């Protein structure tokens, strides 16, 4: 019995010593923490309020040029769709049996249009457009949907002020297991 207690005590002490050494090391013993500059390169998301929009600007006329070169092959010459989604039209169709979901009919926030284009388009070369080109293409698409005049120029301030037609038609998720800051009591 004494021998058994001694063995168990020795094993526990050995296990604790190993755990202490393992805790002092990194999980795999390789790598390093990411530097702030490295994180900044990936931290390019833009929220619905326009937080994190980059410097720069772009107008509708330049957007037409970039769209013709980079977007029209998939989305059609006037955003009518093709291989890629339709970007124009559809206003007033969301409550019909055949809704047409486009930037002008469905998209709730203009800054997230910039975010999507910058991170995902063109599909064959995402993140290849300059900030000025993304502002310009965003301006052109919003113009095609009747939301901006032909002479408009977008930047971080002006893009954040655009009120999309479908902005107030989205509702929060009322399921009890979903944290919804817009509705936390009496929902």
C-alpha atoms as a PDB file:
ATOM      1  CA  UNK A   1       0.000   0.000   0.000  1.00  0.00           C
ATOM      2  CA  UNK A   2       2.837   2.374   0.890  1.00  0.00           C
ATOM      3  CA  UNK A   3       4.518   1.595  -2.403  1.00  0.00           C
ATOM      4  CA  UNK A   4       1.303   2.372  -4.287  1.00  0.00           C
ATOM      5  CA  UNK A   5       0.880   5.775  -2.550  1.00  0.00           C
ATOM      6  CA  UNK A   6       4.519   6.581  -3.269  1.00  0.00           C
ATOM      7  CA  UNK A   7       4.103   5.733  -6.962  1.00  0.00           C
ATOM      8  CA  UNK A   8       0.908   7.794  -7.238  1.00  0.00           C
ATOM      9  CA  UNK A   9       2.551  10.756  -5.480  1.00  0.00           C
ATOM     10  CA  UNK A  10       5.598  10.524  -7.751  1.00  0.00           C
ATOM     11  CA  UNK A  11       3.378  10.346 -10.851  1.00  0.00           C
ATOM     12  CA  UNK A  12       1.311  13.386  -9.760  1.00  0.00           C
ATOM     13  CA  UNK A  13       4.462  15.423  -9.074  1.00  0.00           C
ATOM     14  CA  UNK A  14       5.915  14.395 -12.445  1.00  0.00           C
ATOM     15  CA  UNK A  15       2.663  15.351 -14.250  1.00  0.00           C
ATOM     16  CA  UNK A  16       2.563  18.744 -12.519  1.00  0.00           C
ATOM     17  CA  UNK A  17       6.177  19.415 -13.470  1.00  0.00           C
ATOM     18  CA  UNK A  18       5.465  18.552 -17.112  1.00  0.00           C
ATOM     19  CA  UNK A  19       2.331  20.721 -17.162  1.00  0.00           C
ATOM     20  CA  UNK A  20       4.266  23.670 -15.744  1.00  0.00           C
ATOM     21  CA  UNK A  21       6.939  23.349 -18.428  1.00  0.00           C
ATOM     22  CA  UNK A  22       4.384  22.955 -21.227  1.00  0.00           C
ATOM     23  CA  UNK A  23       2.457  25.994 -20.026  1.00  0.00           C
ATOM     24  CA  UNK A  24       5.579  28.158 -20.259  1.00  0.00           C
ATOM     25  CA  UNK A  25       6.003  27.387 -23.971  1.00  0.00           C
ATOM     26  CA  UNK A  26       3.925  28.547 -26.940  1.00  0.00           C
ATOM     27  CA  UNK A  27       1.410  25.926 -28.077  1.00  0.00           C
ATOM     28  CA  UNK A  28       3.661  24.618 -30.856  1.00  0.00           C
ATOM     29  CA  UNK A  29       6.917  26.328 -30.004  1.00  0.00           C
ATOM     30  CA  UNK A  30       6.936  28.259 -33.300  1.00  0.00           C
ATOM     31  CA  UNK A  31       5.715  31.598 -34.619  1.00  0.00           C
ATOM     32  CA  UNK A  32       5.223  34.987 -33.038  1.00  0.00           C
ATOM     33  CA  UNK A  33       2.429  37.430 -32.317  1.00  0.00           C
ATOM     34  CA  UNK A  34       1.286  39.447 -35.334  1.00  0.00           C
ATOM     35  CA  UNK A  35       2.645  42.993 -35.486  1.00  0.00           C
ATOM     36  CA  UNK A  36       0.168  45.927 -35.611  1.00  0.00           C
ATOM     37  CA  UNK A  37       1.196  46.760 -39.204  1.00  0.00           C
ATOM     38  CA  UNK A  38       0.471  43.173 -40.255  1.00  0.00           C
ATOM     39  CA  UNK A  39      -2.952  43.246 -38.613  1.00  0.00           C
ATOM     40  CA  UNK A  40      -3.728  46.616 -40.233  1.00  0.00           C
ATOM     41  CA  UNK A  41      -3.176  45.055 -43.662  1.00  0.00           C
ATOM     42  CA  UNK A  42      -6.012  42.612 -43.018  1.00  0.00           C
ATOM     43  CA  UNK A  43      -8.249  44.964 -41.042  1.00  0.00           C
ATOM     44  CA  UNK A  44      -9.989  46.502 -44.042  1.00  0.00           C
ATOM     45  CA  UNK A  45     -13.625  45.753 -43.250  1.00  0.00           C
ATOM     46  CA  UNK A  46     -16.110  48.627 -43.317  1.00  0.00           C
ATOM     47  CA  UNK A  47     -19.282  48.559 -41.235  1.00  0.00           C
ATOM     48  CA  UNK A  48     -22.744  49.889 -42.094  1.00  0.00           C
ATOM     49  CA  UNK A  49     -21.958  53.279 -40.545  1.00  0.00           C
ATOM     50  CA  UNK A  50     -18.857  53.728 -42.694  1.00  0.00           C
ATOM     51  CA  UNK A  51     -16.379  53.128 -39.891  1.00  0.00           C
ATOM     52  CA  UNK A  52     -12.962  52.239 -41.339  1.00  0.00           C
ATOM     53  CA  UNK A  53     -13.620  53.721 -44.794  1.00  0.00           C
ATOM     54  CA  UNK A  54     -10.222  54.652 -46.251  1.00  0.00           C
ATOM     55  CA  UNK A  55      -9.093  58.033 -47.570  1.00  0.00           C
ATOM     56  CA  UNK A  56      -9.765  58.749 -51.213  1.00  0.00           C
ATOM     57  CA  UNK A  57     -12.661  59.636 -53.476  1.00  0.00           C
ATOM     58  CA  UNK A  58     -14.138  58.710 -56.815  1.00  0.00           C
ATOM     59  CA  UNK A  59     -16.766  60.087 -59.128  1.00  0.00           C
ATOM     60  CA  UNK A  60     -19.464  58.585 -61.310  1.00  0.00           C
ATOM     61  CA  UNK A  61     -17.644  59.311 -64.595  1.00  0.00           C
ATOM     62  CA  UNK A  62     -14.450  57.545 -63.469  1.00  0.00           C
ATOM     63  CA  UNK A  63     -16.616  54.755 -62.070  1.00  0.00           C
ATOM     64  CA  UNK A  64     -18.151  54.229 -65.513  1.00  0.00           C
ATOM     65  CA  UNK A  65     -14.652  53.749 -66.968  1.00  0.00           C
ATOM     66  CA  UNK A  66     -13.566  51.293 -64.267  1.00  0.00           C
ATOM     67  CA  UNK A  67     -16.890  49.438 -64.488  1.00  0.00           C
ATOM     68  CA  UNK A  68     -16.507  49.059 -68.268  1.00  0.00           C
ATOM     69  CA  UNK A  69     -12.993  47.645 -67.828  1.00  0.00           C
ATOM     70  CA  UNK A  70     -13.399  45.529 -64.703  1.00  0.00           C
ATOM     71  CA  UNK A  71     -17.093  44.738 -64.120  1.00  0.00           C
ATOM     72  CA  UNK A  72     -19.136  44.773 -67.328  1.00  0.00           C
ATOM     73  CA  UNK A  73     -18.003  41.347 -68.564  1.00  0.00           C
ATOM     74  CA  UNK A  74     -19.781  39.696 -65.608  1.00  0.00           C
ATOM     75  CA  UNK A  75     -22.454  42.231 -64.592  1.00  0.00           C
ATOM     76  CA  UNK A  76     -23.429  43.554 -68.053  1.00  0.00           C
ATOM     77  CA  UNK A  77     -22.652  46.897 -69.658  1.00  0.00           C
ATOM     78  CA  UNK A  78     -25.302  48.679 -67.569  1.00  0.00           C
ATOM     79  CA  UNK A  79     -25.381  46.440 -64.504  1.00  0.00           C
ATOM     80  CA  UNK A  80     -28.233  44.366 -65.917  1.00  0.00           C
ATOM     81  CA  UNK A  81     -26.525  41.122 -65.010  1.00  0.00           C
ATOM     82  CA  UNK A  82     -25.004  38.290 -66.944  1.00  0.00           C
ATOM     83  CA  UNK A  83     -22.584  35.776 -65.509  1.00  0.00           C
ATOM     84  CA  UNK A  84     -22.580  37.957 -62.391  1.00  0.00           C
ATOM     85  CA  UNK A  85     -25.542  39.285 -60.449  1.00  0.00           C
ATOM     86  CA  UNK A  86     -27.864  42.001 -61.639  1.00  0.00           C
ATOM     87  CA  UNK A  87     -26.870  45.261 -59.921  1.00  0.00           C
ATOM     88  CA  UNK A  88     -29.562  47.648 -61.162  1.00  0.00           C
ATOM     89  CA  UNK A  89     -33.355  47.847 -60.901  1.00  0.00           C
ATOM     90  CA  UNK A  90     -35.728  45.778 -58.847  1.00  0.00           C
ATOM     91  CA  UNK A  91     -37.182  48.646 -56.821  1.00  0.00           C
ATOM     92  CA  UNK A  92     -40.648  47.737 -55.645  1.00  0.00           C
ATOM     93  CA  UNK A  93     -40.298  44.008 -56.358  1.00  0.00           C
ATOM     94  CA  UNK A  94     -39.234  42.633 -52.979  1.00  0.00           C
ATOM     95  CA  UNK A  95     -42.817  42.010 -51.811  1.00  0.00           C
ATOM     96  CA  UNK A  96     -43.824  40.371 -55.105  1.00  0.00           C
ATOM     97  CA  UNK A  97     -43.731  36.650 -55.952  1.00  0.00           C
ATOM     98  CA  UNK A  98     -40.576  37.285 -58.018  1.00  0.00           C
ATOM     99  CA  UNK A  99     -38.382  39.743 -56.096  1.00  0.00           C
ATOM    100  CA  UNK A 100     -35.357  41.208 -57.863  1.00  0.00           C
ATOM    101  CA  UNK A 101     -32.557  41.727 -55.362  1.00  0.00           C
ATOM    102  CA  UNK A 102     -30.107  44.371 -56.554  1.00  0.00           C
ATOM    103  CA  UNK A 103     -28.009  47.106 -54.998  1.00  0.00           C
ATOM    104  CA  UNK A 104     -30.880  49.538 -55.558  1.00  0.00           C
ATOM    105  CA  UNK A 105     -33.680  47.345 -54.269  1.00  0.00           C
ATOM    106  CA  UNK A 106     -32.182  45.189 -51.544  1.00  0.00           C
ATOM    107  CA  UNK A 107     -28.843  46.529 -50.296  1.00  0.00           C
ATOM    108  CA  UNK A 108     -29.387  48.196 -46.886  1.00  0.00           C
ATOM    109  CA  UNK A 109     -26.235  50.317 -46.384  1.00  0.00           C
ATOM    110  CA  UNK A 110     -24.072  52.109 -48.956  1.00  0.00           C
ATOM    111  CA  UNK A 111     -20.751  51.782 -47.036  1.00  0.00           C
ATOM    112  CA  UNK A 112     -21.042  47.992 -47.128  1.00  0.00           C
ATOM    113  CA  UNK A 113     -21.261  48.177 -50.939  1.00  0.00           C
ATOM    114  CA  UNK A 114     -17.803  49.772 -50.887  1.00  0.00           C
ATOM    115  CA  UNK A 115     -16.616  47.057 -48.474  1.00  0.00           C
ATOM    116  CA  UNK A 116     -17.889  44.230 -50.663  1.00  0.00           C
ATOM    117  CA  UNK A 117     -16.453  45.648 -53.886  1.00  0.00           C
ATOM    118  CA  UNK A 118     -13.075  46.340 -52.285  1.00  0.00           C
ATOM    119  CA  UNK A 119     -12.703  42.890 -50.728  1.00  0.00           C
ATOM    120  CA  UNK A 120     -14.352  40.654 -53.332  1.00  0.00           C
ATOM    121  CA  UNK A 121     -14.291  42.317 -56.757  1.00  0.00           C
ATOM    122  CA  UNK A 122     -13.411  41.833 -59.485  1.00  0.00           C
ATOM    123  CA  UNK A 123     -13.949  38.161 -58.884  1.00  0.00           C
ATOM    124  CA  UNK A 124     -10.809  37.147 -60.768  1.00  0.00           C
ATOM    125  CA  UNK A 125      -8.634  39.663 -58.856  1.00  0.00           C
ATOM    126  CA  UNK A 126     -10.170  40.656 -55.491  1.00  0.00           C
ATOM    127  CA  UNK A 127      -8.592  43.593 -53.639  1.00  0.00           C
ATOM    128  CA  UNK A 128      -6.876  44.734 -56.852  1.00  0.00           C
ATOM    129  CA  UNK A 129      -8.786  48.018 -57.241  1.00  0.00           C
ATOM    130  CA  UNK A 130      -7.449  51.188 -55.642  1.00  0.00           C
ATOM    131  CA  UNK A 131      -9.578  52.938 -53.032  1.00  0.00           C
ATOM    132  CA  UNK A 132     -10.283  55.668 -55.609  1.00  0.00           C
ATOM    133  CA  UNK A 133     -11.496  53.054 -58.109  1.00  0.00           C
ATOM    134  CA  UNK A 134     -13.736  51.412 -55.484  1.00  0.00           C
ATOM    135  CA  UNK A 135     -15.268  54.763 -54.524  1.00  0.00           C
ATOM    136  CA  UNK A 136     -15.799  55.470 -58.231  1.00  0.00           C
ATOM    137  CA  UNK A 137     -17.404  52.092 -59.018  1.00  0.00           C
ATOM    138  CA  UNK A 138     -19.611  52.454 -55.938  1.00  0.00           C
ATOM    139  CA  UNK A 139     -20.668  55.904 -57.162  1.00  0.00           C
ATOM    140  CA  UNK A 140     -21.424  54.559 -60.640  1.00  0.00           C
ATOM    141  CA  UNK A 141     -23.517  51.643 -59.359  1.00  0.00           C
ATOM    142  CA  UNK A 142     -25.454  53.951 -57.030  1.00  0.00           C
ATOM    143  CA  UNK A 143     -25.956  56.339 -59.963  1.00  0.00           C
ATOM    144  CA  UNK A 144     -27.274  53.508 -62.167  1.00  0.00           C
ATOM    145  CA  UNK A 145     -29.847  52.850 -59.434  1.00  0.00           C
ATOM    146  CA  UNK A 146     -30.940  56.493 -59.376  1.00  0.00           C
ATOM    147  CA  UNK A 147     -29.387  57.177 -55.975  1.00  0.00           C
ATOM    148  CA  UNK A 148     -26.689  59.640 -57.086  1.00  0.00           C
ATOM    149  CA  UNK A 149     -26.547  62.329 -59.781  1.00  0.00           C
ATOM    150  CA  UNK A 150     -24.111  61.934 -62.711  1.00  0.00           C
ATOM    151  CA  UNK A 151     -21.727  64.565 -61.333  1.00  0.00           C
ATOM    152  CA  UNK A 152     -21.490  63.043 -57.833  1.00  0.00           C
ATOM    153  CA  UNK A 153     -18.231  62.165 -56.113  1.00  0.00           C
ATOM    154  CA  UNK A 154     -18.037  59.776 -53.167  1.00  0.00           C
ATOM    155  CA  UNK A 155     -15.640  59.756 -50.248  1.00  0.00           C
ATOM    156  CA  UNK A 156     -15.852  58.420 -46.694  1.00  0.00           C
ATOM    157  CA  UNK A 157     -18.103  61.263 -45.545  1.00  0.00           C
ATOM    158  CA  UNK A 158     -20.530  61.338 -48.477  1.00  0.00           C
ATOM    159  CA  UNK A 159     -20.829  57.561 -48.807  1.00  0.00           C
ATOM    160  CA  UNK A 160     -21.858  57.275 -45.168  1.00  0.00           C
ATOM    161  CA  UNK A 161     -24.720  59.760 -45.657  1.00  0.00           C
ATOM    162  CA  UNK A 162     -26.498  57.865 -48.447  1.00  0.00           C
ATOM    163  CA  UNK A 163     -29.805  56.364 -47.346  1.00  0.00           C
ATOM    164  CA  UNK A 164     -30.515  53.190 -49.292  1.00  0.00           C
ATOM    165  CA  UNK A 165     -34.155  52.514 -50.267  1.00  0.00           C
ATOM    166  CA  UNK A 166     -34.328  49.222 -48.353  1.00  0.00           C
ATOM    167  CA  UNK A 167     -32.476  50.447 -45.269  1.00  0.00           C
ATOM    168  CA  UNK A 168     -35.411  50.222 -42.856  1.00  0.00           C
ATOM    169  CA  UNK A 169     -36.881  46.988 -44.184  1.00  0.00           C
ATOM    170  CA  UNK A 170     -34.440  44.658 -42.425  1.00  0.00           C
ATOM    171  CA  UNK A 171     -35.549  43.407 -39.028  1.00  0.00           C
ATOM    172  CA  UNK A 172     -33.595  42.038 -36.095  1.00  0.00           C
ATOM    173  CA  UNK A 173     -33.435  38.355 -35.306  1.00  0.00           C
ATOM    174  CA  UNK A 174     -35.904  37.796 -32.465  1.00  0.00           C
ATOM    175  CA  UNK A 175     -34.843  34.250 -31.590  1.00  0.00           C
ATOM    176  CA  UNK A 176     -33.965  34.080 -27.883  1.00  0.00           C
ATOM    177  CA  UNK A 177     -30.585  32.441 -28.529  1.00  0.00           C
ATOM    178  CA  UNK A 178     -29.415  35.315 -30.748  1.00  0.00           C
ATOM    179  CA  UNK A 179     -27.929  38.401 -29.142  1.00  0.00           C
ATOM    180  CA  UNK A 180     -29.670  41.339 -30.783  1.00  0.00           C
ATOM    181  CA  UNK A 181     -28.559  44.687 -29.325  1.00  0.00           C
ATOM    182  CA  UNK A 182     -31.452  46.483 -31.035  1.00  0.00           C
ATOM    183  CA  UNK A 183     -33.962  44.407 -29.067  1.00  0.00           C
ATOM    184  CA  UNK A 184     -32.958  43.097 -25.662  1.00  0.00           C
ATOM    185  CA  UNK A 185     -36.221  43.478 -23.693  1.00  0.00           C
ATOM    186  CA  UNK A 186     -39.939  43.202 -24.532  1.00  0.00           C
ATOM    187  CA  UNK A 187     -39.243  42.152 -28.108  1.00  0.00           C
END
